[in-house]
Amino acid sequence: MDLEKRPETSIVPKEEVDELKKQVEVLQEAVEHLHMELQEAKLDQPKPIITSDMVGQIGGLILGALAIIGIFWL
């Protein structure tokens, strides 16, 4: 059993709570605005000509061709 006395919690004034709620709303709007800017920045980035997937496929084709050539070389 918990027999220790707990410290009394202080009651926050309603004005302070309302002010904090307004600050939270402002911060949420700022985060939404920054999120939209980030999405626009991602769309504006130039697309790479050769992606890593394409490099892997080209490398696989070259290795496959070398294996086929190696089989028939003898």
N, C-alpha and C. Protein backbone atom coordinates (compact mmCIF):
# COMPACT_ATOMS: atom_id res chain seq x y z
N MET A 1 0.83 -1.18 0.00
CA MET A 1 0.00 0.00 0.00
C MET A 1 0.88 1.24 0.00
N ASP A 2 0.37 2.27 -0.65
CA ASP A 2 1.10 3.52 -0.75
C ASP A 2 0.64 4.45 0.36
N LEU A 3 1.42 4.53 1.43
CA LEU A 3 1.03 5.35 2.57
C LEU A 3 1.71 6.70 2.57
N GLU A 4 2.58 6.94 1.60
CA GLU A 4 3.28 8.23 1.55
C GLU A 4 2.31 9.31 1.13
N LYS A 5 2.55 10.49 1.65
CA LYS A 5 1.72 11.62 1.25
C LYS A 5 2.20 12.13 -0.10
N ARG A 6 1.28 12.36 -0.97
CA ARG A 6 1.62 12.89 -2.28
C ARG A 6 1.57 14.41 -2.21
N PRO A 7 2.49 15.05 -2.92
CA PRO A 7 2.45 16.52 -2.91
C PRO A 7 1.20 17.01 -3.63
N GLU A 8 0.67 18.10 -3.12
CA GLU A 8 -0.52 18.65 -3.74
C GLU A 8 -0.17 19.23 -5.09
N THR A 9 -1.03 18.97 -6.06
CA THR A 9 -0.79 19.51 -7.39
C THR A 9 -1.35 20.91 -7.46
N SER A 10 -0.62 21.75 -8.16
CA SER A 10 -1.09 23.13 -8.29
C SER A 10 -2.07 23.20 -9.45
N ILE A 11 -3.06 24.01 -9.30
CA ILE A 11 -4.07 24.17 -10.33
C ILE A 11 -3.62 25.29 -11.25
N VAL A 12 -3.58 24.98 -12.55
CA VAL A 12 -3.13 25.95 -13.54
C VAL A 12 -4.31 26.87 -13.87
N PRO A 13 -4.08 28.18 -13.90
CA PRO A 13 -5.17 29.10 -14.22
C PRO A 13 -5.69 28.87 -15.64
N LYS A 14 -6.98 29.12 -15.83
CA LYS A 14 -7.63 28.90 -17.11
C LYS A 14 -7.01 29.77 -18.19
N GLU A 15 -6.60 30.98 -17.85
CA GLU A 15 -5.99 31.89 -18.83
C GLU A 15 -4.70 31.29 -19.38
N GLU A 16 -3.93 30.68 -18.50
CA GLU A 16 -2.66 30.08 -18.93
C GLU A 16 -2.92 28.88 -19.84
N VAL A 17 -3.93 28.10 -19.52
CA VAL A 17 -4.29 26.95 -20.34
C VAL A 17 -4.74 27.43 -21.72
N ASP A 18 -5.57 28.46 -21.76
CA ASP A 18 -6.03 29.00 -23.04
C ASP A 18 -4.87 29.54 -23.87
N GLU A 19 -3.94 30.20 -23.21
CA GLU A 19 -2.76 30.72 -23.92
C GLU A 19 -1.92 29.58 -24.50
N LEU A 20 -1.76 28.52 -23.73
CA LEU A 20 -0.99 27.38 -24.22
C LEU A 20 -1.71 26.69 -25.38
N LYS A 21 -3.03 26.62 -25.33
CA LYS A 21 -3.78 26.03 -26.43
C LYS A 21 -3.60 26.85 -27.71
N LYS A 22 -3.58 28.18 -27.57
CA LYS A 22 -3.37 29.04 -28.74
C LYS A 22 -1.97 28.82 -29.31
N GLN A 23 -0.98 28.68 -28.43
CA GLN A 23 0.38 28.43 -28.89
C GLN A 23 0.48 27.09 -29.61
N VAL A 24 -0.24 26.09 -29.11
CA VAL A 24 -0.24 24.77 -29.75
C VAL A 24 -0.85 24.88 -31.14
N GLU A 25 -1.95 25.63 -31.28
CA GLU A 25 -2.58 25.80 -32.58
C GLU A 25 -1.64 26.50 -33.56
N VAL A 26 -0.93 27.52 -33.08
CA VAL A 26 0.02 28.23 -33.94
C VAL A 26 1.13 27.28 -34.39
N LEU A 27 1.63 26.48 -33.46
CA LEU A 27 2.69 25.53 -33.80
C LEU A 27 2.20 24.47 -34.77
N GLN A 28 0.96 24.01 -34.61
CA GLN A 28 0.41 23.02 -35.54
C GLN A 28 0.30 23.61 -36.94
N GLU A 29 -0.12 24.85 -37.04
CA GLU A 29 -0.20 25.50 -38.35
C GLU A 29 1.18 25.64 -38.97
N ALA A 30 2.18 25.97 -38.15
CA ALA A 30 3.54 26.09 -38.66
C ALA A 30 4.06 24.75 -39.15
N VAL A 31 3.77 23.69 -38.42
CA VAL A 31 4.21 22.35 -38.83
C VAL A 31 3.53 21.95 -40.14
N GLU A 32 2.23 22.23 -40.27
CA GLU A 32 1.53 21.92 -41.51
C GLU A 32 2.11 22.69 -42.68
N HIS A 33 2.43 23.96 -42.45
CA HIS A 33 3.02 24.79 -43.51
C HIS A 33 4.39 24.24 -43.92
N LEU A 34 5.21 23.87 -42.94
CA LEU A 34 6.53 23.31 -43.25
C LEU A 34 6.40 21.97 -43.97
N HIS A 35 5.40 21.19 -43.61
CA HIS A 35 5.18 19.91 -44.27
C HIS A 35 4.84 20.13 -45.75
N MET A 36 4.00 21.12 -46.02
CA MET A 36 3.64 21.43 -47.41
C MET A 36 4.86 21.91 -48.18
N GLU A 37 5.69 22.75 -47.56
CA GLU A 37 6.91 23.22 -48.22
C GLU A 37 7.85 22.06 -48.51
N LEU A 38 7.94 21.11 -47.59
CA LEU A 38 8.80 19.95 -47.79
C LEU A 38 8.31 19.12 -48.97
N GLN A 39 7.00 18.92 -49.07
CA GLN A 39 6.44 18.16 -50.19
C GLN A 39 6.74 18.86 -51.51
N GLU A 40 6.60 20.20 -51.55
CA GLU A 40 6.90 20.94 -52.77
C GLU A 40 8.38 20.85 -53.13
N ALA A 41 9.24 20.91 -52.12
CA ALA A 41 10.67 20.82 -52.37
C ALA A 41 11.05 19.44 -52.92
N LYS A 42 10.40 18.39 -52.41
CA LYS A 42 10.68 17.05 -52.91
C LYS A 42 10.24 16.91 -54.37
N LEU A 43 9.13 17.54 -54.72
CA LEU A 43 8.65 17.46 -56.10
C LEU A 43 9.52 18.25 -57.05
N ASP A 44 10.16 19.32 -56.56
CA ASP A 44 10.97 20.18 -57.41
C ASP A 44 12.37 19.63 -57.65
N GLN A 45 12.78 18.59 -56.93
CA GLN A 45 14.12 18.05 -57.09
C GLN A 45 14.23 17.37 -58.46
N PRO A 46 15.39 17.52 -59.11
CA PRO A 46 15.56 16.84 -60.40
C PRO A 46 15.64 15.33 -60.20
N LYS A 47 15.06 14.62 -61.15
CA LYS A 47 15.07 13.16 -61.08
C LYS A 47 16.40 12.63 -61.62
N PRO A 48 16.99 11.62 -60.98
CA PRO A 48 18.23 11.05 -61.48
C PRO A 48 18.00 10.31 -62.80
N ILE A 49 18.98 10.38 -63.69
CA ILE A 49 18.86 9.72 -64.99
C ILE A 49 18.96 8.21 -64.82
N ILE A 50 19.94 7.77 -64.04
CA ILE A 50 20.12 6.33 -63.81
C ILE A 50 19.92 6.08 -62.32
N THR A 51 18.96 5.25 -62.00
CA THR A 51 18.71 4.94 -60.60
C THR A 51 19.53 3.73 -60.18
N SER A 52 19.57 3.47 -58.90
CA SER A 52 20.35 2.32 -58.41
C SER A 52 19.74 1.00 -58.90
N ASP A 53 18.43 0.97 -59.10
CA ASP A 53 17.80 -0.25 -59.64
C ASP A 53 18.30 -0.52 -61.06
N MET A 54 18.40 0.54 -61.85
CA MET A 54 18.87 0.36 -63.23
C MET A 54 20.32 -0.11 -63.25
N VAL A 55 21.15 0.43 -62.37
CA VAL A 55 22.55 0.01 -62.30
C VAL A 55 22.63 -1.47 -61.94
N GLY A 56 21.80 -1.91 -61.00
CA GLY A 56 21.79 -3.31 -60.62
C GLY A 56 21.36 -4.22 -61.76
N GLN A 57 20.36 -3.79 -62.52
CA GLN A 57 19.89 -4.60 -63.64
C GLN A 57 20.95 -4.68 -64.73
N ILE A 58 21.62 -3.57 -65.02
CA ILE A 58 22.67 -3.56 -66.04
C ILE A 58 23.82 -4.47 -65.60
N GLY A 59 24.19 -4.37 -64.32
CA GLY A 59 25.26 -5.23 -63.80
C GLY A 59 24.89 -6.70 -63.88
N GLY A 60 23.64 -7.02 -63.60
CA GLY A 60 23.19 -8.41 -63.69
C GLY A 60 23.23 -8.92 -65.12
N LEU A 61 22.84 -8.06 -66.06
CA LEU A 61 22.90 -8.47 -67.47
C LEU A 61 24.34 -8.71 -67.91
N ILE A 62 25.24 -7.85 -67.49
CA ILE A 62 26.65 -8.01 -67.87
C ILE A 62 27.21 -9.30 -67.27
N LEU A 63 26.91 -9.56 -66.00
CA LEU A 63 27.41 -10.79 -65.38
C LEU A 63 26.82 -12.02 -66.06
N GLY A 64 25.54 -11.96 -66.41
CA GLY A 64 24.90 -13.08 -67.11
C GLY A 64 25.53 -13.30 -68.47
N ALA A 65 25.81 -12.22 -69.19
CA ALA A 65 26.44 -12.35 -70.50
C ALA A 65 27.84 -12.94 -70.37
N LEU A 66 28.59 -12.51 -69.38
CA LEU A 66 29.93 -13.07 -69.17
C LEU A 66 29.86 -14.55 -68.81
N ALA A 67 28.86 -14.94 -68.03
CA ALA A 67 28.71 -16.35 -67.69
C ALA A 67 28.40 -17.19 -68.92
N ILE A 68 27.53 -16.69 -69.78
CA ILE A 68 27.18 -17.42 -71.03
C ILE A 68 28.40 -17.50 -71.93
N ILE A 69 29.14 -16.41 -72.06
CA ILE A 69 30.35 -16.43 -72.89
C ILE A 69 31.37 -17.41 -72.29
N GLY A 70 31.50 -17.43 -70.99
CA GLY A 70 32.43 -18.34 -70.35
C GLY A 70 32.06 -19.80 -70.55
N ILE A 71 30.79 -20.11 -70.60
CA ILE A 71 30.35 -21.49 -70.81
C ILE A 71 30.75 -21.96 -72.22
N PHE A 72 30.52 -21.13 -73.21
CA PHE A 72 30.77 -21.52 -74.60
C PHE A 72 32.19 -21.23 -75.07
N TRP A 73 33.04 -20.65 -74.23
CA TRP A 73 34.39 -20.30 -74.65
C TRP A 73 35.24 -21.53 -74.87
N LEU A 74 34.98 -22.55 -74.08
CA LEU A 74 35.80 -23.76 -74.18
C LEU A 74 35.45 -24.52 -75.37
